[in-house]
Amino acid sequence: MLVEELMAINDSRDIIKTAREDGFEEGIEQGRKEIISNMLKLGLSYEEIAKLTNANLSDIEKISKQHHIKAPILSQNRGFFCLKRRFQNLLVCNY
């Protein structure tokens, strides 16, 4: 009977340890998604976000759709490449 109780305690500890690890991983993933969402809101392109976060383009696109954030539009204006950010309709040009 004592052996069974000790085994039950060890099983409970394993369950708690696994739950903590799973919760920790979920927290990291949620934080990563929040960072990507913020980068999208600032108008960074999918490629820039992928370089900075090591995320897949498909994951970034999925987050963009989930948060209803449109991707920035790249356009060429008088020979200069400009990024029209949908965030606050800013126009930023690199000359």
Protein backbone atom coordinates (compact mmCIF):
# COMPACT_ATOMS: atom_id res chain seq x y z
CA MET A 1 0.00 0.00 0.00
CA LEU A 2 2.83 2.42 0.78
CA VAL A 3 4.47 1.59 -2.55
CA GLU A 4 1.21 2.38 -4.39
CA GLU A 5 0.91 5.73 -2.60
CA LEU A 6 4.49 6.64 -3.50
CA MET A 7 3.86 5.68 -7.12
CA ALA A 8 0.72 7.85 -7.15
CA ILE A 9 2.69 10.79 -5.73
CA ASN A 10 5.39 10.35 -8.40
CA ASP A 11 2.72 10.17 -11.11
CA SER A 12 1.18 13.39 -9.78
CA ARG A 13 4.57 15.11 -9.80
CA ASP A 14 5.14 14.02 -13.41
CA ILE A 15 1.72 15.35 -14.42
CA ILE A 16 2.41 18.70 -12.73
CA LYS A 17 5.87 18.94 -14.31
CA THR A 18 4.45 18.21 -17.77
CA ALA A 19 1.66 20.75 -17.28
CA ARG A 20 4.18 23.42 -16.26
CA GLU A 21 6.38 22.70 -19.27
CA ASP A 22 3.36 22.81 -21.60
CA GLY A 23 2.18 26.09 -20.06
CA PHE A 24 5.65 27.58 -20.39
CA GLU A 25 5.84 26.62 -24.07
CA GLU A 26 2.34 28.03 -24.70
CA GLY A 27 3.36 31.29 -23.02
CA ILE A 28 6.44 31.59 -25.20
CA GLU A 29 4.40 30.92 -28.34
CA GLN A 30 1.75 33.46 -27.31
CA GLY A 31 4.44 36.09 -26.72
CA ARG A 32 5.97 35.33 -30.11
CA LYS A 33 2.60 35.80 -31.81
CA GLU A 34 2.09 39.09 -29.97
CA ILE A 35 5.50 40.36 -31.10
CA ILE A 36 4.75 39.40 -34.71
CA SER A 37 1.35 41.10 -34.47
CA ASN A 38 2.99 44.30 -33.20
CA MET A 39 5.55 44.20 -36.00
CA LEU A 40 2.73 43.86 -38.54
CA LYS A 41 0.94 46.83 -36.98
CA LEU A 42 4.12 48.88 -37.39
CA GLY A 43 4.13 48.06 -41.09
CA LEU A 44 7.07 45.68 -41.33
CA SER A 45 6.91 43.31 -44.28
CA TYR A 46 6.47 39.58 -43.87
CA GLU A 47 10.07 39.08 -45.02
CA GLU A 48 11.46 41.54 -42.47
CA ILE A 49 9.47 39.89 -39.68
CA ALA A 50 10.64 36.44 -40.80
CA LYS A 51 14.27 37.59 -40.66
CA LEU A 52 13.87 39.10 -37.19
CA THR A 53 11.81 36.31 -35.60
CA ASN A 54 12.81 33.19 -37.59
CA ALA A 55 9.10 32.62 -38.22
CA ASN A 56 7.72 31.04 -41.39
CA LEU A 57 6.00 33.35 -43.86
CA SER A 58 2.88 31.18 -43.62
CA ASP A 59 2.79 31.62 -39.82
CA ILE A 60 3.15 35.38 -40.19
CA GLU A 61 0.36 35.47 -42.76
CA LYS A 62 -1.87 33.41 -40.46
CA ILE A 63 -1.26 35.81 -37.56
CA SER A 64 -1.95 38.74 -39.88
CA LYS A 65 -5.31 37.24 -40.86
CA GLN A 66 -6.22 36.32 -37.27
CA HIS A 67 -5.64 39.90 -36.11
CA HIS A 68 -7.13 41.46 -39.27
CA ILE A 69 -3.89 43.30 -40.08
CA LYS A 70 -3.26 43.98 -43.75
CA ALA A 71 0.23 43.55 -45.16
CA PRO A 72 2.10 46.73 -46.14
CA ILE A 73 1.98 47.72 -49.79
CA LEU A 74 5.29 48.20 -51.59
CA SER A 75 5.21 50.69 -54.43
CA GLN A 76 7.67 52.60 -56.58
CA ASN A 77 7.28 56.37 -56.50
CA ARG A 78 9.40 58.47 -58.94
CA GLY A 79 12.23 55.96 -58.87
CA PHE A 80 12.27 55.67 -55.09
CA PHE A 81 11.02 52.60 -53.33
CA CYS A 82 8.39 53.58 -50.84
CA LEU A 83 6.48 51.69 -48.25
CA LYS A 84 2.96 52.85 -47.76
CA ARG A 85 2.00 51.71 -44.33
CA ARG A 86 -1.62 51.01 -43.77
CA PHE A 87 -0.92 51.78 -40.15
CA GLN A 88 -1.91 55.45 -39.81
CA ASN A 89 -1.51 55.85 -43.61
CA LEU A 90 2.10 56.97 -43.28
CA LEU A 91 4.31 57.18 -46.33
CA VAL A 92 7.95 56.36 -45.63
CA CYS A 93 10.52 56.63 -48.44
CA ASN A 94 14.16 55.62 -48.53
CA TYR A 95 16.04 57.98 -50.85
